[in-house]
Amino acid sequence: LYGLRRGEVLGIRWRDVDFDHDVLHIRQQ
């Protein structure tokens, strides 16, 4: 869906997922 890199998708933390505002933050890998 987002065309992420392998390291980016595996580096997502739960605090990077904002369910309230429907935003996914990409911050590390």
PDB file of all heavy atoms in Angstrom:
ATOM      1  N   LEU A   1       0.811  -1.218   0.000  1.00  0.00           N
ATOM      2  CA  LEU A   1       0.000   0.000   0.000  1.00  0.00           C
ATOM      3  C   LEU A   1       0.843   1.266   0.000  1.00  0.00           C
ATOM      4  O   LEU A   1       0.553   2.219  -0.736  1.00  0.00           O
ATOM      5  CB  LEU A   1      -0.928  -0.013   1.211  1.00  0.00           C
ATOM      6  CG  LEU A   1      -1.867   1.188   1.366  1.00  0.00           C
ATOM      7  CD1 LEU A   1      -2.789   1.301   0.159  1.00  0.00           C
ATOM      8  CD2 LEU A   1      -2.679   1.074   2.649  1.00  0.00           C
ATOM      9  N   TYR A   2       1.909   1.291   0.807  1.00  0.00           N
ATOM     10  CA  TYR A   2       2.701   2.512   0.966  1.00  0.00           C
ATOM     11  C   TYR A   2       4.056   2.463   0.255  1.00  0.00           C
ATOM     12  O   TYR A   2       4.756   3.470   0.227  1.00  0.00           O
ATOM     13  CB  TYR A   2       2.935   2.786   2.454  1.00  0.00           C
ATOM     14  CG  TYR A   2       1.668   3.014   3.242  1.00  0.00           C
ATOM     15  CD1 TYR A   2       1.215   2.075   4.157  1.00  0.00           C
ATOM     16  CD2 TYR A   2       0.915   4.171   3.060  1.00  0.00           C
ATOM     17  CE1 TYR A   2       0.045   2.273   4.880  1.00  0.00           C
ATOM     18  CE2 TYR A   2      -0.253   4.385   3.773  1.00  0.00           C
ATOM     19  CZ  TYR A   2      -0.682   3.429   4.682  1.00  0.00           C
ATOM     20  OH  TYR A   2      -1.837   3.627   5.384  1.00  0.00           O
ATOM     21  N   GLY A   3       4.409   1.315  -0.299  1.00  0.00           N
ATOM     22  CA  GLY A   3       5.717   1.216  -0.945  1.00  0.00           C
ATOM     23  C   GLY A   3       6.865   1.370   0.029  1.00  0.00           C
ATOM     24  O   GLY A   3       7.895   1.964  -0.307  1.00  0.00           O
ATOM     25  N   LEU A   4       6.728   0.850   1.231  1.00  0.00           N
ATOM     26  CA  LEU A   4       7.767   0.992   2.256  1.00  0.00           C
ATOM     27  C   LEU A   4       8.972   0.112   1.931  1.00  0.00           C
ATOM     28  O   LEU A   4       8.874  -0.869   1.192  1.00  0.00           O
ATOM     29  CB  LEU A   4       7.208   0.602   3.630  1.00  0.00           C
ATOM     30  CG  LEU A   4       6.008   1.390   4.149  1.00  0.00           C
ATOM     31  CD1 LEU A   4       5.552   0.821   5.482  1.00  0.00           C
ATOM     32  CD2 LEU A   4       6.337   2.861   4.286  1.00  0.00           C
ATOM     33  N   ARG A   5      10.091   0.479   2.508  1.00  0.00           N
ATOM     34  CA  ARG A   5      11.269  -0.388   2.470  1.00  0.00           C
ATOM     35  C   ARG A   5      11.105  -1.490   3.520  1.00  0.00           C
ATOM     36  O   ARG A   5      10.348  -1.351   4.481  1.00  0.00           O
ATOM     37  CB  ARG A   5      12.534   0.424   2.738  1.00  0.00           C
ATOM     38  CG  ARG A   5      12.761   1.580   1.766  1.00  0.00           C
ATOM     39  CD  ARG A   5      14.007   2.365   2.132  1.00  0.00           C
ATOM     40  NE  ARG A   5      14.265   3.464   1.208  1.00  0.00           N
ATOM     41  CZ  ARG A   5      13.845   4.712   1.395  1.00  0.00           C
ATOM     42  NH1 ARG A   5      13.143   5.019   2.486  1.00  0.00           N
ATOM     43  NH2 ARG A   5      14.124   5.658   0.516  1.00  0.00           N
ATOM     44  N   ARG A   6      11.855  -2.577   3.330  1.00  0.00           N
ATOM     45  CA  ARG A   6      11.749  -3.695   4.285  1.00  0.00           C
ATOM     46  C   ARG A   6      12.056  -3.252   5.705  1.00  0.00           C
ATOM     47  O   ARG A   6      11.335  -3.564   6.649  1.00  0.00           O
ATOM     48  CB  ARG A   6      12.711  -4.820   3.885  1.00  0.00           C
ATOM     49  CG  ARG A   6      12.131  -5.852   2.996  1.00  0.00           C
ATOM     50  CD  ARG A   6      13.037  -7.051   2.880  1.00  0.00           C
ATOM     51  NE  ARG A   6      14.354  -6.739   2.352  1.00  0.00           N
ATOM     52  CZ  ARG A   6      15.298  -7.663   2.122  1.00  0.00           C
ATOM     53  NH1 ARG A   6      15.067  -8.919   2.400  1.00  0.00           N
ATOM     54  NH2 ARG A   6      16.462  -7.304   1.641  1.00  0.00           N
ATOM     55  N   GLY A   7      13.164  -2.527   5.857  1.00  0.00           N
ATOM     56  CA  GLY A   7      13.550  -2.095   7.197  1.00  0.00           C
ATOM     57  C   GLY A   7      12.552  -1.140   7.811  1.00  0.00           C
ATOM     58  O   GLY A   7      12.377  -1.112   9.033  1.00  0.00           O
ATOM     59  N   GLU A   8      11.885  -0.334   6.959  1.00  0.00           N
ATOM     60  CA  GLU A   8      10.915   0.630   7.474  1.00  0.00           C
ATOM     61  C   GLU A   8       9.683  -0.055   8.043  1.00  0.00           C
ATOM     62  O   GLU A   8       9.196   0.311   9.117  1.00  0.00           O
ATOM     63  CB  GLU A   8      10.511   1.596   6.363  1.00  0.00           C
ATOM     64  CG  GLU A   8      11.612   2.548   5.938  1.00  0.00           C
ATOM     65  CD  GLU A   8      11.226   3.413   4.765  1.00  0.00           C
ATOM     66  OE1 GLU A   8      10.209   3.104   4.102  1.00  0.00           O
ATOM     67  OE2 GLU A   8      11.938   4.402   4.507  1.00  0.00           O
ATOM     68  N   VAL A   9       9.161  -1.054   7.323  1.00  0.00           N
ATOM     69  CA  VAL A   9       7.957  -1.716   7.812  1.00  0.00           C
ATOM     70  C   VAL A   9       8.247  -2.522   9.068  1.00  0.00           C
ATOM     71  O   VAL A   9       7.414  -2.596   9.990  1.00  0.00           O
ATOM     72  CB  VAL A   9       7.335  -2.604   6.704  1.00  0.00           C
ATOM     73  CG1 VAL A   9       8.184  -3.835   6.442  1.00  0.00           C
ATOM     74  CG2 VAL A   9       5.914  -2.994   7.060  1.00  0.00           C
ATOM     75  N   LEU A  10       9.442  -3.108   9.148  1.00  0.00           N
ATOM     76  CA  LEU A  10       9.795  -3.886  10.335  1.00  0.00           C
ATOM     77  C   LEU A  10      10.160  -2.989  11.517  1.00  0.00           C
ATOM     78  O   LEU A  10      10.197  -3.452  12.654  1.00  0.00           O
ATOM     79  CB  LEU A  10      10.957  -4.828  10.021  1.00  0.00           C
ATOM     80  CG  LEU A  10      10.673  -5.915   8.975  1.00  0.00           C
ATOM     81  CD1 LEU A  10      11.909  -6.760   8.730  1.00  0.00           C
ATOM     82  CD2 LEU A  10       9.503  -6.791   9.403  1.00  0.00           C
ATOM     83  N   GLY A  11      10.434  -1.704  11.259  1.00  0.00           N
ATOM     84  CA  GLY A  11      10.812  -0.787  12.325  1.00  0.00           C
ATOM     85  C   GLY A  11       9.663   0.019  12.894  1.00  0.00           C
ATOM     86  O   GLY A  11       9.878   0.862  13.776  1.00  0.00           O
ATOM     87  N   ILE A  12       8.442  -0.214  12.425  1.00  0.00           N
ATOM     88  CA  ILE A  12       7.292   0.536  12.943  1.00  0.00           C
ATOM     89  C   ILE A  12       7.018   0.119  14.389  1.00  0.00           C
ATOM     90  O   ILE A  12       6.956  -1.069  14.709  1.00  0.00           O
ATOM     91  CB  ILE A  12       6.047   0.285  12.066  1.00  0.00           C
ATOM     92  CG1 ILE A  12       6.290   0.791  10.642  1.00  0.00           C
ATOM     93  CG2 ILE A  12       4.824   0.968  12.669  1.00  0.00           C
ATOM     94  CD1 ILE A  12       5.148   0.490   9.690  1.00  0.00           C
ATOM     95  N   ARG A  13       6.860   1.116  15.242  1.00  0.00           N
ATOM     96  CA  ARG A  13       6.489   0.878  16.638  1.00  0.00           C
ATOM     97  C   ARG A  13       5.015   1.204  16.824  1.00  0.00           C
ATOM     98  O   ARG A  13       4.427   1.945  16.036  1.00  0.00           O
ATOM     99  CB  ARG A  13       7.351   1.743  17.569  1.00  0.00           C
ATOM    100  CG  ARG A  13       8.838   1.464  17.472  1.00  0.00           C
ATOM    101  CD  ARG A  13       9.653   2.619  18.009  1.00  0.00           C
ATOM    102  NE  ARG A  13       9.446   3.841  17.229  1.00  0.00           N
ATOM    103  CZ  ARG A  13      10.145   4.956  17.389  1.00  0.00           C
ATOM    104  NH1 ARG A  13      11.087   5.011  18.315  1.00  0.00           N
ATOM    105  NH2 ARG A  13       9.899   6.023  16.650  1.00  0.00           N
ATOM    106  N   TRP A  14       4.439   0.693  17.918  1.00  0.00           N
ATOM    107  CA  TRP A  14       3.023   0.963  18.158  1.00  0.00           C
ATOM    108  C   TRP A  14       2.770   2.444  18.425  1.00  0.00           C
ATOM    109  O   TRP A  14       1.694   2.958  18.103  1.00  0.00           O
ATOM    110  CB  TRP A  14       2.512   0.118  19.330  1.00  0.00           C
ATOM    111  CG  TRP A  14       2.279  -1.300  18.938  1.00  0.00           C
ATOM    112  CD1 TRP A  14       2.934  -2.401  19.382  1.00  0.00           C
ATOM    113  CD2 TRP A  14       1.321  -1.780  17.985  1.00  0.00           C
ATOM    114  NE1 TRP A  14       2.466  -3.540  18.783  1.00  0.00           N
ATOM    115  CE2 TRP A  14       1.460  -3.188  17.914  1.00  0.00           C
ATOM    116  CE3 TRP A  14       0.364  -1.163  17.181  1.00  0.00           C
ATOM    117  CZ2 TRP A  14       0.684  -3.973  17.086  1.00  0.00           C
ATOM    118  CZ3 TRP A  14      -0.421  -1.943  16.335  1.00  0.00           C
ATOM    119  CH2 TRP A  14      -0.263  -3.338  16.301  1.00  0.00           C
ATOM    120  N   ARG A  15       3.768   3.128  18.948  1.00  0.00           N
ATOM    121  CA  ARG A  15       3.572   4.562  19.174  1.00  0.00           C
ATOM    122  C   ARG A  15       3.603   5.346  17.863  1.00  0.00           C
ATOM    123  O   ARG A  15       3.223   6.518  17.831  1.00  0.00           O
ATOM    124  CB  ARG A  15       4.625   5.090  20.132  1.00  0.00           C
ATOM    125  CG  ARG A  15       6.019   5.198  19.548  1.00  0.00           C
ATOM    126  CD  ARG A  15       6.925   5.939  20.508  1.00  0.00           C
ATOM    127  NE  ARG A  15       8.249   6.163  19.953  1.00  0.00           N
ATOM    128  CZ  ARG A  15       9.174   6.904  20.547  1.00  0.00           C
ATOM    129  NH1 ARG A  15       8.913   7.486  21.701  1.00  0.00           N
ATOM    130  NH2 ARG A  15      10.359   7.073  19.991  1.00  0.00           N
ATOM    131  N   ASP A  16       4.075   4.703  16.780  1.00  0.00           N
ATOM    132  CA  ASP A  16       4.071   5.344  15.462  1.00  0.00           C
ATOM    133  C   ASP A  16       2.722   5.218  14.774  1.00  0.00           C
ATOM    134  O   ASP A  16       2.526   5.809  13.698  1.00  0.00           O
ATOM    135  CB  ASP A  16       5.155   4.731  14.570  1.00  0.00           C
ATOM    136  CG  ASP A  16       6.558   4.956  15.116  1.00  0.00           C
ATOM    137  OD1 ASP A  16       6.770   6.008  15.739  1.00  0.00           O
ATOM    138  OD2 ASP A  16       7.429   4.080  14.928  1.00  0.00           O
ATOM    139  N   VAL A  17       1.822   4.429  15.339  1.00  0.00           N
ATOM    140  CA  VAL A  17       0.497   4.219  14.746  1.00  0.00           C
ATOM    141  C   VAL A  17      -0.514   5.053  15.528  1.00  0.00           C
ATOM    142  O   VAL A  17      -0.782   4.790  16.699  1.00  0.00           O
ATOM    143  CB  VAL A  17       0.108   2.728  14.778  1.00  0.00           C
ATOM    144  CG1 VAL A  17      -1.242   2.525  14.088  1.00  0.00           C
ATOM    145  CG2 VAL A  17       1.186   1.880  14.107  1.00  0.00           C
ATOM    146  N   ASP A  18      -1.062   6.063  14.870  1.00  0.00           N
ATOM    147  CA  ASP A  18      -2.034   6.957  15.507  1.00  0.00           C
ATOM    148  C   ASP A  18      -3.431   6.581  15.004  1.00  0.00           C
ATOM    149  O   ASP A  18      -3.888   7.054  13.955  1.00  0.00           O
ATOM    150  CB  ASP A  18      -1.710   8.409  15.163  1.00  0.00           C
ATOM    151  CG  ASP A  18      -2.548   9.402  15.952  1.00  0.00           C
ATOM    152  OD1 ASP A  18      -3.542   8.967  16.566  1.00  0.00           O
ATOM    153  OD2 ASP A  18      -2.213  10.600  15.952  1.00  0.00           O
ATOM    154  N   PHE A  19      -4.100   5.700  15.760  1.00  0.00           N
ATOM    155  CA  PHE A  19      -5.434   5.273  15.355  1.00  0.00           C
ATOM    156  C   PHE A  19      -6.455   6.397  15.496  1.00  0.00           C
ATOM    157  O   PHE A  19      -7.459   6.426  14.784  1.00  0.00           O
ATOM    158  CB  PHE A  19      -5.881   4.062  16.197  1.00  0.00           C
ATOM    159  CG  PHE A  19      -5.167   2.790  15.841  1.00  0.00           C
ATOM    160  CD1 PHE A  19      -4.217   2.236  16.689  1.00  0.00           C
ATOM    161  CD2 PHE A  19      -5.460   2.127  14.657  1.00  0.00           C
ATOM    162  CE1 PHE A  19      -3.574   1.061  16.369  1.00  0.00           C
ATOM    163  CE2 PHE A  19      -4.816   0.942  14.321  1.00  0.00           C
ATOM    164  CZ  PHE A  19      -3.866   0.409  15.178  1.00  0.00           C
ATOM    165  N   ASP A  20      -6.219   7.318  16.413  1.00  0.00           N
ATOM    166  CA  ASP A  20      -7.184   8.397  16.643  1.00  0.00           C
ATOM    167  C   ASP A  20      -7.252   9.370  15.472  1.00  0.00           C
ATOM    168  O   ASP A  20      -8.329   9.855  15.118  1.00  0.00           O
ATOM    169  CB  ASP A  20      -6.826   9.151  17.925  1.00  0.00           C
ATOM    170  CG  ASP A  20      -6.954   8.276  19.165  1.00  0.00           C
ATOM    171  OD1 ASP A  20      -7.764   7.325  19.130  1.00  0.00           O
ATOM    172  OD2 ASP A  20      -6.227   8.530  20.156  1.00  0.00           O
ATOM    173  N   HIS A  21      -6.098   9.672  14.902  1.00  0.00           N
ATOM    174  CA  HIS A  21      -6.051  10.647  13.805  1.00  0.00           C
ATOM    175  C   HIS A  21      -5.773  10.000  12.445  1.00  0.00           C
ATOM    176  O   HIS A  21      -5.563  10.701  11.450  1.00  0.00           O
ATOM    177  CB  HIS A  21      -4.982  11.709  14.092  1.00  0.00           C
ATOM    178  CG  HIS A  21      -5.216  12.483  15.343  1.00  0.00           C
ATOM    179  ND1 HIS A  21      -4.711  12.084  16.561  1.00  0.00           N
ATOM    180  CD2 HIS A  21      -5.921  13.635  15.570  1.00  0.00           C
ATOM    181  CE1 HIS A  21      -5.069  12.959  17.491  1.00  0.00           C
ATOM    182  NE2 HIS A  21      -5.814  13.907  16.925  1.00  0.00           N
ATOM    183  N   ASP A  22      -5.748   8.665  12.418  1.00  0.00           N
ATOM    184  CA  ASP A  22      -5.527   7.921  11.166  1.00  0.00           C
ATOM    185  C   ASP A  22      -4.238   8.352  10.472  1.00  0.00           C
ATOM    186  O   ASP A  22      -4.231   8.741   9.289  1.00  0.00           O
ATOM    187  CB  ASP A  22      -6.717   8.098  10.215  1.00  0.00           C
ATOM    188  CG  ASP A  22      -7.954   7.362  10.715  1.00  0.00           C
ATOM    189  OD1 ASP A  22      -7.792   6.352  11.425  1.00  0.00           O
ATOM    190  OD2 ASP A  22      -9.077   7.795  10.385  1.00  0.00           O
ATOM    191  N   VAL A  23      -3.141   8.286  11.214  1.00  0.00           N
ATOM    192  CA  VAL A  23      -1.827   8.653  10.675  1.00  0.00           C
ATOM    193  C   VAL A  23      -0.832   7.567  11.041  1.00  0.00           C
ATOM    194  O   VAL A  23      -0.821   7.064  12.174  1.00  0.00           O
ATOM    195  CB  VAL A  23      -1.342  10.014  11.214  1.00  0.00           C
ATOM    196  CG1 VAL A  23       0.055  10.333  10.688  1.00  0.00           C
ATOM    197  CG2 VAL A  23      -2.317  11.115  10.827  1.00  0.00           C
ATOM    198  N   LEU A  24       0.021   7.211  10.065  1.00  0.00           N
ATOM    199  CA  LEU A  24       1.102   6.250  10.283  1.00  0.00           C
ATOM    200  C   LEU A  24       2.416   6.992  10.163  1.00  0.00           C
ATOM    201  O   LEU A  24       2.737   7.540   9.099  1.00  0.00           O
ATOM    202  CB  LEU A  24       1.023   5.111   9.263  1.00  0.00           C
ATOM    203  CG  LEU A  24       2.136   4.065   9.323  1.00  0.00           C
ATOM    204  CD1 LEU A  24       2.099   3.314  10.659  1.00  0.00           C
ATOM    205  CD2 LEU A  24       2.025   3.085   8.170  1.00  0.00           C
ATOM    206  N   HIS A  25       3.203   7.024  11.237  1.00  0.00           N
ATOM    207  CA  HIS A  25       4.476   7.738  11.246  1.00  0.00           C
ATOM    208  C   HIS A  25       5.608   6.768  10.891  1.00  0.00           C
ATOM    209  O   HIS A  25       5.722   5.698  11.495  1.00  0.00           O
ATOM    210  CB  HIS A  25       4.743   8.343  12.631  1.00  0.00           C
ATOM    211  CG  HIS A  25       3.641   9.222  13.128  1.00  0.00           C
ATOM    212  ND1 HIS A  25       3.401  10.480  12.618  1.00  0.00           N
ATOM    213  CD2 HIS A  25       2.701   9.027  14.087  1.00  0.00           C
ATOM    214  CE1 HIS A  25       2.376  11.024  13.242  1.00  0.00           C
ATOM    215  NE2 HIS A  25       1.925  10.163  14.147  1.00  0.00           N
ATOM    216  N   ILE A  26       6.425   7.147   9.932  1.00  0.00           N
ATOM    217  CA  ILE A  26       7.609   6.367   9.565  1.00  0.00           C
ATOM    218  C   ILE A  26       8.812   7.091  10.159  1.00  0.00           C
ATOM    219  O   ILE A  26       9.173   8.182   9.707  1.00  0.00           O
ATOM    220  CB  ILE A  26       7.746   6.221   8.034  1.00  0.00           C
ATOM    221  CG1 ILE A  26       6.432   5.724   7.421  1.00  0.00           C
ATOM    222  CG2 ILE A  26       8.896   5.287   7.692  1.00  0.00           C
ATOM    223  CD1 ILE A  26       5.983   4.392   7.944  1.00  0.00           C
ATOM    224  N   ARG A  27       9.437   6.483  11.179  1.00  0.00           N
ATOM    225  CA  ARG A  27      10.466   7.185  11.940  1.00  0.00           C
ATOM    226  C   ARG A  27      11.777   6.416  12.062  1.00  0.00           C
ATOM    227  O   ARG A  27      12.802   7.022  12.389  1.00  0.00           O
ATOM    228  CB  ARG A  27       9.944   7.495  13.347  1.00  0.00           C
ATOM    229  CG  ARG A  27       8.800   8.508  13.384  1.00  0.00           C
ATOM    230  CD  ARG A  27       9.283   9.866  12.922  1.00  0.00           C
ATOM    231  NE  ARG A  27       8.219  10.868  12.996  1.00  0.00           N
ATOM    232  CZ  ARG A  27       7.401  11.165  12.008  1.00  0.00           C
ATOM    233  NH1 ARG A  27       7.511  10.513  10.858  1.00  0.00           N
ATOM    234  NH2 ARG A  27       6.473  12.099  12.135  1.00  0.00           N
ATOM    235  N   GLN A  28      11.810   5.114  11.856  1.00  0.00           N
ATOM    236  CA  GLN A  28      13.047   4.357  12.037  1.00  0.00           C
ATOM    237  C   GLN A  28      12.986   3.094  11.184  1.00  0.00           C
ATOM    238  O   GLN A  28      11.969   2.818  10.530  1.00  0.00           O
ATOM    239  CB  GLN A  28      13.234   3.983  13.505  1.00  0.00           C
ATOM    240  CG  GLN A  28      12.158   3.041  14.039  1.00  0.00           C
ATOM    241  CD  GLN A  28      12.493   2.489  15.403  1.00  0.00           C
ATOM    242  OE1 GLN A  28      13.395   2.966  16.087  1.00  0.00           O
ATOM    243  NE2 GLN A  28      11.789   1.453  15.822  1.00  0.00           N
ATOM    244  N   GLN A  29      14.070   2.341  11.191  1.00  0.00           N
ATOM    245  CA  GLN A  29      14.122   1.082  10.466  1.00  0.00           C
ATOM    246  C   GLN A  29      14.927   0.054  11.249  1.00  0.00           C
ATOM    247  O   GLN A  29      15.672   0.411  12.179  1.00  0.00           O
ATOM    248  CB  GLN A  29      14.732   1.286   9.076  1.00  0.00           C
ATOM    249  CG  GLN A  29      16.164   1.800   9.092  1.00  0.00           C
ATOM    250  CD  GLN A  29      16.718   1.983   7.694  1.00  0.00           C
ATOM    251  OE1 GLN A  29      16.310   1.304   6.756  1.00  0.00           O
ATOM    252  NE2 GLN A  29      17.661   2.909   7.543  1.00  0.00           N
TER     253      GLN A  29
END
